[in-house]
Amino acid sequence: MEKNGFQLALMFVVMIAVQAVIFNHIVLYGLAIPFVFIYFIVKLPVSMSATKVIFLSFLLGTAMDVFQDTPGMCALACTCLGACRHAILRLFLPREDDIMHALPSIKAFGFGVFSRYVFTLTLLFCMLIFIIESFAFFNLGIMLQRIVLSTLLTSLLLVATDGLSRKSVSEKRL
């Protein structure tokens, strides 16, 4: 259990650092923003209690608010994401025994299920963050473009990250 806690803490710090140092400075065409820090929420163990997931999601969002100067926006979006995570897992993996002790990954869920899971969580996060940011539907077209493009960019990066981490882990075993 100590090893898992240490790995989670390390991933928490790494995701915040990578987002703050690298990805906060990337905006493609003024619309697409990569939110790779939500990979932490995506990769939380399935067996973790909802209370812990929501609390860790809130901490992640609060930490990102500090680095992005967005007072409470990331905390709210991440908390909602953490609260919906288990229901989204249920959507794609309906049987309890399929996912009880798994860490969400391409290896555990398969590429199709994991990709849909990541895309759905990313879409939810992007919708929440951009709606909270604009707090109005004044320019609906641009907001929808930002949601779609950021969702696609972030989903692609998260699935690629999981694929690369899976490949490096399997190469170490050989």
N, C-alpha and C. Protein backbone atom coordinates (compact mmCIF):
# COMPACT_ATOMS: atom_id res chain seq x y z
N MET A 1 0.81 -1.19 0.00
CA MET A 1 0.00 0.00 0.00
C MET A 1 0.86 1.25 0.00
N GLU A 2 2.01 1.19 0.68
CA GLU A 2 2.90 2.34 0.71
C GLU A 2 3.43 2.65 -0.67
N LYS A 3 3.73 1.61 -1.45
CA LYS A 3 4.24 1.79 -2.79
C LYS A 3 3.20 2.48 -3.67
N ASN A 4 1.95 2.06 -3.58
CA ASN A 4 0.89 2.68 -4.36
C ASN A 4 0.68 4.13 -3.97
N GLY A 5 0.73 4.42 -2.68
CA GLY A 5 0.59 5.80 -2.21
C GLY A 5 1.73 6.68 -2.69
N PHE A 6 2.93 6.14 -2.67
CA PHE A 6 4.09 6.89 -3.16
C PHE A 6 3.98 7.13 -4.65
N GLN A 7 3.55 6.13 -5.41
CA GLN A 7 3.39 6.28 -6.85
C GLN A 7 2.32 7.31 -7.18
N LEU A 8 1.22 7.30 -6.42
CA LEU A 8 0.18 8.30 -6.65
C LEU A 8 0.68 9.71 -6.35
N ALA A 9 1.41 9.85 -5.25
CA ALA A 9 1.95 11.17 -4.89
C ALA A 9 2.95 11.65 -5.94
N LEU A 10 3.77 10.75 -6.43
CA LEU A 10 4.74 11.11 -7.46
C LEU A 10 4.04 11.51 -8.75
N MET A 11 3.02 10.74 -9.15
CA MET A 11 2.28 11.09 -10.37
C MET A 11 1.56 12.42 -10.20
N PHE A 12 1.02 12.69 -9.01
CA PHE A 12 0.35 13.96 -8.71
C PHE A 12 1.31 15.12 -8.95
N VAL A 13 2.49 15.03 -8.39
CA VAL A 13 3.49 16.10 -8.51
C VAL A 13 3.98 16.23 -9.96
N VAL A 14 4.23 15.11 -10.61
CA VAL A 14 4.71 15.15 -12.00
C VAL A 14 3.67 15.75 -12.93
N MET A 15 2.41 15.37 -12.78
CA MET A 15 1.37 15.90 -13.65
C MET A 15 1.21 17.42 -13.47
N ILE A 16 1.28 17.87 -12.24
CA ILE A 16 1.18 19.32 -11.98
C ILE A 16 2.38 20.03 -12.59
N ALA A 17 3.58 19.49 -12.39
CA ALA A 17 4.79 20.13 -12.91
C ALA A 17 4.79 20.16 -14.44
N VAL A 18 4.44 19.05 -15.07
CA VAL A 18 4.44 19.00 -16.54
C VAL A 18 3.41 19.97 -17.11
N GLN A 19 2.23 20.03 -16.50
CA GLN A 19 1.21 20.96 -16.97
C GLN A 19 1.65 22.40 -16.78
N ALA A 20 2.19 22.71 -15.61
CA ALA A 20 2.57 24.09 -15.30
C ALA A 20 3.76 24.56 -16.13
N VAL A 21 4.74 23.69 -16.33
CA VAL A 21 5.96 24.11 -17.01
C VAL A 21 5.84 24.03 -18.53
N ILE A 22 5.18 23.01 -19.05
CA ILE A 22 5.14 22.81 -20.49
C ILE A 22 3.78 23.14 -21.10
N PHE A 23 2.74 22.43 -20.68
CA PHE A 23 1.47 22.47 -21.38
C PHE A 23 0.65 23.73 -21.13
N ASN A 24 0.92 24.47 -20.07
CA ASN A 24 0.21 25.74 -19.86
C ASN A 24 0.61 26.78 -20.90
N HIS A 25 1.72 26.54 -21.58
CA HIS A 25 2.22 27.50 -22.56
C HIS A 25 1.90 27.10 -23.99
N ILE A 26 1.11 26.06 -24.17
CA ILE A 26 0.74 25.59 -25.50
C ILE A 26 -0.73 25.88 -25.74
N VAL A 27 -1.00 26.63 -26.79
CA VAL A 27 -2.36 26.88 -27.24
C VAL A 27 -2.32 26.83 -28.77
N LEU A 28 -2.95 25.81 -29.35
CA LEU A 28 -2.92 25.65 -30.80
C LEU A 28 -4.03 26.47 -31.44
N TYR A 29 -3.63 27.35 -32.34
CA TYR A 29 -4.56 28.22 -33.09
C TYR A 29 -5.46 29.05 -32.19
N GLY A 30 -5.01 29.30 -30.99
CA GLY A 30 -5.79 30.09 -30.05
C GLY A 30 -7.02 29.38 -29.52
N LEU A 31 -7.15 28.10 -29.82
CA LEU A 31 -8.35 27.36 -29.43
C LEU A 31 -8.06 26.10 -28.61
N ALA A 32 -7.14 25.27 -29.05
CA ALA A 32 -6.91 23.96 -28.43
C ALA A 32 -5.87 24.06 -27.32
N ILE A 33 -6.27 23.68 -26.13
CA ILE A 33 -5.40 23.70 -24.96
C ILE A 33 -5.28 22.28 -24.42
N PRO A 34 -4.06 21.76 -24.28
CA PRO A 34 -3.91 20.41 -23.71
C PRO A 34 -3.98 20.44 -22.19
N PHE A 35 -4.87 19.64 -21.63
CA PHE A 35 -5.03 19.53 -20.18
C PHE A 35 -4.54 18.15 -19.74
N VAL A 36 -3.24 17.91 -19.82
CA VAL A 36 -2.72 16.57 -19.53
C VAL A 36 -2.75 16.23 -18.04
N PHE A 37 -2.91 17.20 -17.18
CA PHE A 37 -2.91 16.92 -15.74
C PHE A 37 -4.09 16.06 -15.32
N ILE A 38 -5.16 16.00 -16.12
CA ILE A 38 -6.29 15.15 -15.75
C ILE A 38 -5.97 13.67 -15.90
N TYR A 39 -4.80 13.36 -16.47
CA TYR A 39 -4.35 11.97 -16.55
C TYR A 39 -4.28 11.36 -15.15
N PHE A 40 -3.97 12.18 -14.15
CA PHE A 40 -3.94 11.70 -12.78
C PHE A 40 -5.30 11.14 -12.36
N ILE A 41 -6.37 11.84 -12.69
CA ILE A 41 -7.72 11.40 -12.34
C ILE A 41 -8.09 10.16 -13.15
N VAL A 42 -7.70 10.15 -14.42
CA VAL A 42 -7.97 9.00 -15.29
C VAL A 42 -7.33 7.74 -14.73
N LYS A 43 -6.12 7.84 -14.20
CA LYS A 43 -5.35 6.67 -13.78
C LYS A 43 -5.55 6.27 -12.32
N LEU A 44 -6.39 6.95 -11.57
CA LEU A 44 -6.64 6.53 -10.19
C LEU A 44 -7.21 5.11 -10.17
N PRO A 45 -6.83 4.31 -9.19
CA PRO A 45 -7.31 2.93 -9.14
C PRO A 45 -8.84 2.86 -9.10
N VAL A 46 -9.36 1.89 -9.80
CA VAL A 46 -10.81 1.71 -9.87
C VAL A 46 -11.39 1.39 -8.50
N SER A 47 -10.64 0.66 -7.68
CA SER A 47 -11.14 0.25 -6.37
C SER A 47 -11.09 1.37 -5.33
N MET A 48 -10.50 2.51 -5.66
CA MET A 48 -10.42 3.62 -4.71
C MET A 48 -11.82 4.16 -4.43
N SER A 49 -12.08 4.50 -3.19
CA SER A 49 -13.41 4.98 -2.81
C SER A 49 -13.72 6.32 -3.48
N ALA A 50 -15.00 6.57 -3.68
CA ALA A 50 -15.43 7.80 -4.34
C ALA A 50 -14.99 9.03 -3.55
N THR A 51 -15.01 8.93 -2.25
CA THR A 51 -14.60 10.05 -1.40
C THR A 51 -13.14 10.42 -1.65
N LYS A 52 -12.28 9.42 -1.72
CA LYS A 52 -10.86 9.67 -1.97
C LYS A 52 -10.63 10.24 -3.36
N VAL A 53 -11.35 9.70 -4.35
CA VAL A 53 -11.21 10.19 -5.72
C VAL A 53 -11.63 11.65 -5.80
N ILE A 54 -12.74 12.00 -5.19
CA ILE A 54 -13.21 13.38 -5.22
C ILE A 54 -12.23 14.30 -4.48
N PHE A 55 -11.73 13.85 -3.34
CA PHE A 55 -10.78 14.66 -2.58
C PHE A 55 -9.48 14.88 -3.36
N LEU A 56 -8.93 13.82 -3.94
CA LEU A 56 -7.70 13.96 -4.73
C LEU A 56 -7.94 14.81 -5.98
N SER A 57 -9.10 14.67 -6.58
CA SER A 57 -9.43 15.50 -7.74
C SER A 57 -9.51 16.98 -7.34
N PHE A 58 -10.10 17.24 -6.20
CA PHE A 58 -10.17 18.62 -5.71
C PHE A 58 -8.77 19.18 -5.44
N LEU A 59 -7.91 18.37 -4.81
CA LEU A 59 -6.53 18.82 -4.56
C LEU A 59 -5.80 19.11 -5.86
N LEU A 60 -5.97 18.25 -6.85
CA LEU A 60 -5.34 18.46 -8.14
C LEU A 60 -5.83 19.75 -8.78
N GLY A 61 -7.13 19.95 -8.78
CA GLY A 61 -7.69 21.18 -9.35
C GLY A 61 -7.24 22.43 -8.61
N THR A 62 -7.16 22.35 -7.29
CA THR A 62 -6.70 23.50 -6.51
C THR A 62 -5.24 23.82 -6.82
N ALA A 63 -4.42 22.79 -6.93
CA ALA A 63 -3.01 23.01 -7.28
C ALA A 63 -2.89 23.63 -8.66
N MET A 64 -3.70 23.18 -9.60
CA MET A 64 -3.65 23.77 -10.94
C MET A 64 -4.17 25.20 -10.94
N ASP A 65 -5.14 25.49 -10.11
CA ASP A 65 -5.63 26.87 -9.99
C ASP A 65 -4.51 27.81 -9.55
N VAL A 66 -3.65 27.34 -8.67
CA VAL A 66 -2.52 28.16 -8.20
C VAL A 66 -1.59 28.49 -9.37
N PHE A 67 -1.28 27.49 -10.19
CA PHE A 67 -0.34 27.69 -11.30
C PHE A 67 -0.97 28.38 -12.50
N GLN A 68 -2.26 28.25 -12.69
CA GLN A 68 -2.92 28.85 -13.85
C GLN A 68 -3.60 30.17 -13.53
N ASP A 69 -3.60 30.56 -12.24
CA ASP A 69 -4.26 31.79 -11.82
C ASP A 69 -5.74 31.79 -12.23
N THR A 70 -6.38 30.68 -11.98
CA THR A 70 -7.81 30.53 -12.25
C THR A 70 -8.51 30.20 -10.94
N PRO A 71 -8.98 31.20 -10.24
CA PRO A 71 -9.50 30.99 -8.88
C PRO A 71 -10.70 30.04 -8.81
N GLY A 72 -10.43 28.79 -8.51
CA GLY A 72 -11.48 27.81 -8.27
C GLY A 72 -12.02 27.11 -9.50
N MET A 73 -11.66 27.55 -10.69
CA MET A 73 -12.24 26.96 -11.90
C MET A 73 -11.79 25.50 -12.09
N CYS A 74 -10.49 25.26 -11.99
CA CYS A 74 -9.99 23.89 -12.15
C CYS A 74 -10.43 23.02 -10.98
N ALA A 75 -10.50 23.59 -9.80
CA ALA A 75 -10.94 22.81 -8.63
C ALA A 75 -12.38 22.33 -8.83
N LEU A 76 -13.24 23.19 -9.32
CA LEU A 76 -14.63 22.81 -9.56
C LEU A 76 -14.72 21.76 -10.66
N ALA A 77 -14.03 22.00 -11.77
CA ALA A 77 -14.09 21.05 -12.89
C ALA A 77 -13.50 19.70 -12.51
N CYS A 78 -12.38 19.70 -11.82
CA CYS A 78 -11.75 18.43 -11.41
C CYS A 78 -12.60 17.68 -10.39
N THR A 79 -13.22 18.40 -9.47
CA THR A 79 -14.09 17.77 -8.48
C THR A 79 -15.28 17.11 -9.16
N CYS A 80 -15.89 17.80 -10.10
CA CYS A 80 -17.00 17.21 -10.86
C CYS A 80 -16.55 16.00 -11.65
N LEU A 81 -15.35 16.09 -12.23
CA LEU A 81 -14.79 14.97 -12.99
C LEU A 81 -14.58 13.76 -12.08
N GLY A 82 -14.02 13.99 -10.90
CA GLY A 82 -13.82 12.91 -9.94
C GLY A 82 -15.13 12.29 -9.49
N ALA A 83 -16.16 13.12 -9.34
CA ALA A 83 -17.46 12.61 -8.91
C ALA A 83 -18.13 11.77 -9.99
N CYS A 84 -17.88 12.08 -11.26
CA CYS A 84 -18.52 11.36 -12.36
C CYS A 84 -17.71 10.18 -12.86
N ARG A 85 -16.49 10.05 -12.41
CA ARG A 85 -15.56 9.05 -12.93
C ARG A 85 -16.09 7.62 -12.83
N HIS A 86 -16.60 7.25 -11.68
CA HIS A 86 -17.08 5.87 -11.50
C HIS A 86 -18.28 5.58 -12.41
N ALA A 87 -19.17 6.54 -12.55
CA ALA A 87 -20.33 6.35 -13.43
C ALA A 87 -19.90 6.19 -14.88
N ILE A 88 -18.87 6.93 -15.28
CA ILE A 88 -18.36 6.81 -16.65
C ILE A 88 -17.69 5.45 -16.85
N LEU A 89 -16.98 4.98 -15.84
CA LEU A 89 -16.42 3.63 -15.92
C LEU A 89 -17.52 2.59 -16.09
N ARG A 90 -18.60 2.73 -15.32
CA ARG A 90 -19.75 1.83 -15.40
C ARG A 90 -20.36 1.84 -16.81
N LEU A 91 -20.30 2.99 -17.46
CA LEU A 91 -20.87 3.14 -18.79
C LEU A 91 -20.17 2.22 -19.79
N PHE A 92 -18.87 2.09 -19.66
CA PHE A 92 -18.10 1.31 -20.61
C PHE A 92 -17.77 -0.11 -20.14
N LEU A 93 -17.74 -0.32 -18.83
CA LEU A 93 -17.46 -1.65 -18.26
C LEU A 93 -18.55 -1.97 -17.26
N PRO A 94 -19.66 -2.55 -17.70
CA PRO A 94 -20.81 -2.73 -16.81
C PRO A 94 -20.65 -3.77 -15.71
N ARG A 95 -19.77 -4.74 -15.87
CA ARG A 95 -19.65 -5.78 -14.85
C ARG A 95 -18.62 -5.38 -13.80
N GLU A 96 -19.00 -5.51 -12.55
CA GLU A 96 -18.14 -5.13 -11.42
C GLU A 96 -16.84 -5.92 -11.39
N ASP A 97 -16.90 -7.21 -11.69
CA ASP A 97 -15.71 -8.03 -11.61
C ASP A 97 -14.70 -7.71 -12.71
N ASP A 98 -15.14 -7.05 -13.80
CA ASP A 98 -14.22 -6.66 -14.87
C ASP A 98 -13.22 -5.60 -14.42
N ILE A 99 -13.64 -4.75 -13.50
CA ILE A 99 -12.83 -3.57 -13.20
C ILE A 99 -12.46 -3.41 -11.73
N MET A 100 -12.80 -4.33 -10.90
CA MET A 100 -12.66 -4.11 -9.46
C MET A 100 -11.24 -3.80 -9.03
N HIS A 101 -10.26 -4.49 -9.54
CA HIS A 101 -8.90 -4.28 -9.06
C HIS A 101 -7.98 -3.73 -10.15
N ALA A 102 -8.55 -3.24 -11.20
CA ALA A 102 -7.73 -2.78 -12.33
C ALA A 102 -7.34 -1.31 -12.17
N LEU A 103 -6.18 -1.00 -12.71
CA LEU A 103 -5.79 0.38 -12.93
C LEU A 103 -6.22 0.71 -14.35
N PRO A 104 -6.93 1.79 -14.57
CA PRO A 104 -7.34 2.10 -15.94
C PRO A 104 -6.13 2.25 -16.85
N SER A 105 -6.12 1.44 -17.90
CA SER A 105 -5.03 1.50 -18.87
C SER A 105 -5.48 0.79 -20.14
N ILE A 106 -4.70 0.97 -21.19
CA ILE A 106 -4.98 0.27 -22.43
C ILE A 106 -4.86 -1.24 -22.21
N LYS A 107 -3.88 -1.64 -21.42
CA LYS A 107 -3.66 -3.06 -21.17
C LYS A 107 -4.83 -3.69 -20.41
N ALA A 108 -5.35 -2.98 -19.41
CA ALA A 108 -6.43 -3.54 -18.58
C ALA A 108 -7.78 -3.50 -19.28
N PHE A 109 -8.07 -2.43 -20.01
CA PHE A 109 -9.40 -2.24 -20.60
C PHE A 109 -9.46 -2.55 -22.08
N GLY A 110 -8.33 -2.56 -22.76
CA GLY A 110 -8.32 -2.65 -24.21
C GLY A 110 -8.32 -1.25 -24.80
N PHE A 111 -7.82 -1.12 -26.00
CA PHE A 111 -7.65 0.20 -26.61
C PHE A 111 -8.99 0.93 -26.79
N GLY A 112 -10.00 0.23 -27.30
CA GLY A 112 -11.29 0.87 -27.58
C GLY A 112 -11.97 1.39 -26.32
N VAL A 113 -12.06 0.56 -25.32
CA VAL A 113 -12.74 0.95 -24.08
C VAL A 113 -11.96 2.06 -23.38
N PHE A 114 -10.63 1.93 -23.30
CA PHE A 114 -9.83 2.95 -22.65
C PHE A 114 -9.92 4.28 -23.40
N SER A 115 -9.90 4.24 -24.71
CA SER A 115 -9.99 5.47 -25.51
C SER A 115 -11.34 6.17 -25.29
N ARG A 116 -12.41 5.40 -25.26
CA ARG A 116 -13.74 6.00 -25.02
C ARG A 116 -13.83 6.57 -23.61
N TYR A 117 -13.27 5.87 -22.65
CA TYR A 117 -13.24 6.33 -21.26
C TYR A 117 -12.48 7.65 -21.15
N VAL A 118 -11.30 7.71 -21.75
CA VAL A 118 -10.49 8.93 -21.72
C VAL A 118 -11.20 10.07 -22.45
N PHE A 119 -11.76 9.77 -23.62
CA PHE A 119 -12.44 10.81 -24.40
C PHE A 119 -13.63 11.38 -23.64
N THR A 120 -14.40 10.51 -23.00
CA THR A 120 -15.57 10.97 -22.25
C THR A 120 -15.17 11.85 -21.06
N LEU A 121 -14.18 11.41 -20.29
CA LEU A 121 -13.70 12.22 -19.17
C LEU A 121 -13.13 13.56 -19.65
N THR A 122 -12.38 13.52 -20.73
CA THR A 122 -11.79 14.75 -21.26
C THR A 122 -12.86 15.70 -21.78
N LEU A 123 -13.85 15.17 -22.48
CA LEU A 123 -14.95 16.00 -22.97
C LEU A 123 -15.69 16.65 -21.81
N LEU A 124 -15.96 15.88 -20.77
CA LEU A 124 -16.63 16.43 -19.60
C LEU A 124 -15.80 17.54 -18.97
N PHE A 125 -14.51 17.31 -18.80
CA PHE A 125 -13.64 18.34 -18.21
C PHE A 125 -13.60 19.60 -19.07
N CYS A 126 -13.41 19.42 -20.36
CA CYS A 126 -13.33 20.59 -21.26
C CYS A 126 -14.65 21.37 -21.28
N MET A 127 -15.76 20.66 -21.30
CA MET A 127 -17.05 21.36 -21.25
C MET A 127 -17.17 22.17 -19.97
N LEU A 128 -16.85 21.55 -18.86
CA LEU A 128 -16.95 22.24 -17.57
C LEU A 128 -16.03 23.45 -17.49
N ILE A 129 -14.77 23.27 -17.85
CA ILE A 129 -13.80 24.35 -17.68
C ILE A 129 -14.11 25.53 -18.59
N PHE A 130 -14.53 25.28 -19.83
CA PHE A 130 -14.81 26.39 -20.74
C PHE A 130 -16.15 27.07 -20.44
N ILE A 131 -17.11 26.31 -19.95
CA ILE A 131 -18.38 26.93 -19.54
C ILE A 131 -18.17 27.76 -18.29
N ILE A 132 -17.39 27.24 -17.34
CA ILE A 132 -17.09 28.01 -16.13
C ILE A 132 -16.29 29.25 -16.48
N GLU A 133 -15.35 29.11 -17.40
CA GLU A 133 -14.51 30.24 -17.80
C GLU A 133 -15.32 31.35 -18.46
N SER A 134 -16.19 30.99 -19.38
CA SER A 134 -16.96 32.03 -20.07
C SER A 134 -18.15 32.50 -19.24
N PHE A 135 -18.68 31.62 -18.43
CA PHE A 135 -19.82 31.88 -17.55
C PHE A 135 -21.01 32.48 -18.29
N ALA A 136 -20.99 32.32 -19.60
CA ALA A 136 -22.09 32.77 -20.45
C ALA A 136 -21.95 32.07 -21.79
N PHE A 137 -23.00 32.08 -22.55
CA PHE A 137 -22.96 31.50 -23.89
C PHE A 137 -22.92 32.62 -24.91
N PHE A 138 -22.13 33.67 -24.60
CA PHE A 138 -22.08 34.85 -25.47
C PHE A 138 -21.54 34.50 -26.84
N ASN A 139 -20.43 33.83 -26.93
CA ASN A 139 -19.85 33.44 -28.20
C ASN A 139 -19.81 31.92 -28.26
N LEU A 140 -20.95 31.34 -28.52
CA LEU A 140 -21.14 29.90 -28.47
C LEU A 140 -20.26 29.16 -29.48
N GLY A 141 -20.07 29.72 -30.67
CA GLY A 141 -19.27 29.06 -31.70
C GLY A 141 -17.83 28.86 -31.27
N ILE A 142 -17.22 29.88 -30.75
CA ILE A 142 -15.82 29.77 -30.31
C ILE A 142 -15.71 28.84 -29.11
N MET A 143 -16.66 28.93 -28.19
CA MET A 143 -16.63 28.05 -27.03
C MET A 143 -16.73 26.58 -27.46
N LEU A 144 -17.61 26.27 -28.41
CA LEU A 144 -17.74 24.90 -28.89
C LEU A 144 -16.47 24.44 -29.62
N GLN A 145 -15.85 25.33 -30.39
CA GLN A 145 -14.58 24.99 -31.03
C GLN A 145 -13.51 24.68 -30.00
N ARG A 146 -13.44 25.50 -28.97
CA ARG A 146 -12.44 25.27 -27.91
C ARG A 146 -12.68 23.94 -27.22
N ILE A 147 -13.95 23.62 -26.95
CA ILE A 147 -14.28 22.35 -26.28
C ILE A 147 -13.87 21.18 -27.16
N VAL A 148 -14.27 21.19 -28.42
CA VAL A 148 -14.00 20.07 -29.33
C VAL A 148 -12.51 19.91 -29.56
N LEU A 149 -11.82 20.99 -29.90
CA LEU A 149 -10.39 20.89 -30.21
C LEU A 149 -9.55 20.54 -28.99
N SER A 150 -9.87 21.10 -27.84
CA SER A 150 -9.14 20.77 -26.62
C SER A 150 -9.39 19.33 -26.20
N THR A 151 -10.62 18.86 -26.39
CA THR A 151 -10.95 17.47 -26.07
C THR A 151 -10.16 16.52 -26.96
N LEU A 152 -10.14 16.80 -28.25
CA LEU A 152 -9.41 15.92 -29.17
C LEU A 152 -7.91 15.92 -28.87
N LEU A 153 -7.33 17.10 -28.67
CA LEU A 153 -5.90 17.20 -28.39
C LEU A 153 -5.54 16.50 -27.07
N THR A 154 -6.30 16.78 -26.03
CA THR A 154 -6.02 16.18 -24.73
C THR A 154 -6.21 14.66 -24.76
N SER A 155 -7.28 14.20 -25.38
CA SER A 155 -7.53 12.75 -25.46
C SER A 155 -6.40 12.05 -26.20
N LEU A 156 -5.96 12.63 -27.29
CA LEU A 156 -4.86 12.05 -28.06
C LEU A 156 -3.59 11.97 -27.21
N LEU A 157 -3.28 13.04 -26.49
CA LEU A 157 -2.09 13.05 -25.64
C LEU A 157 -2.19 12.04 -24.49
N LEU A 158 -3.37 11.91 -23.89
CA LEU A 158 -3.53 10.98 -22.77
C LEU A 158 -3.44 9.52 -23.22
N VAL A 159 -4.06 9.19 -24.34
CA VAL A 159 -3.99 7.82 -24.84
C VAL A 159 -2.56 7.51 -25.28
N ALA A 160 -1.90 8.47 -25.92
CA ALA A 160 -0.50 8.27 -26.32
C ALA A 160 0.39 8.08 -25.10
N THR A 161 0.16 8.88 -24.06
CA THR A 161 0.94 8.75 -22.82
C THR A 161 0.76 7.36 -22.22
N ASP A 162 -0.47 6.88 -22.18
CA ASP A 162 -0.71 5.56 -21.61
C ASP A 162 -0.08 4.48 -22.49
N GLY A 163 -0.16 4.65 -23.79
CA GLY A 163 0.46 3.68 -24.70
C GLY A 163 1.96 3.64 -24.55
N LEU A 164 2.57 4.80 -24.40
CA LEU A 164 4.02 4.85 -24.22
C LEU A 164 4.44 4.28 -22.87
N SER A 165 3.69 4.59 -21.82
CA SER A 165 4.04 4.06 -20.51
C SER A 165 3.85 2.56 -20.47
N ARG A 166 2.85 2.06 -21.14
CA ARG A 166 2.62 0.63 -21.19
C ARG A 166 3.74 -0.06 -21.95
N LYS A 167 4.19 0.55 -23.05
CA LYS A 167 5.26 -0.03 -23.84
C LYS A 167 6.57 -0.06 -23.05
N SER A 168 6.85 1.02 -22.34
CA SER A 168 8.11 1.06 -21.59
C SER A 168 8.08 0.06 -20.43
N VAL A 169 6.94 -0.14 -19.81
CA VAL A 169 6.83 -1.11 -18.71
C VAL A 169 7.00 -2.51 -19.26
N SER A 170 6.36 -2.83 -20.40
CA SER A 170 6.49 -4.17 -20.95
C SER A 170 7.90 -4.43 -21.48
N GLU A 171 8.59 -3.38 -21.97
CA GLU A 171 9.96 -3.55 -22.42
C GLU A 171 10.89 -3.83 -21.25
N LYS A 172 10.62 -3.25 -20.08
CA LYS A 172 11.45 -3.49 -18.90
C LYS A 172 11.34 -4.93 -18.43
N ARG A 173 10.19 -5.55 -18.65
CA ARG A 173 9.99 -6.94 -18.22
C ARG A 173 10.77 -7.91 -19.09
N LEU A 174 11.00 -7.55 -20.35
CA LEU A 174 11.70 -8.45 -21.27
C LEU A 174 13.14 -8.50 -21.01
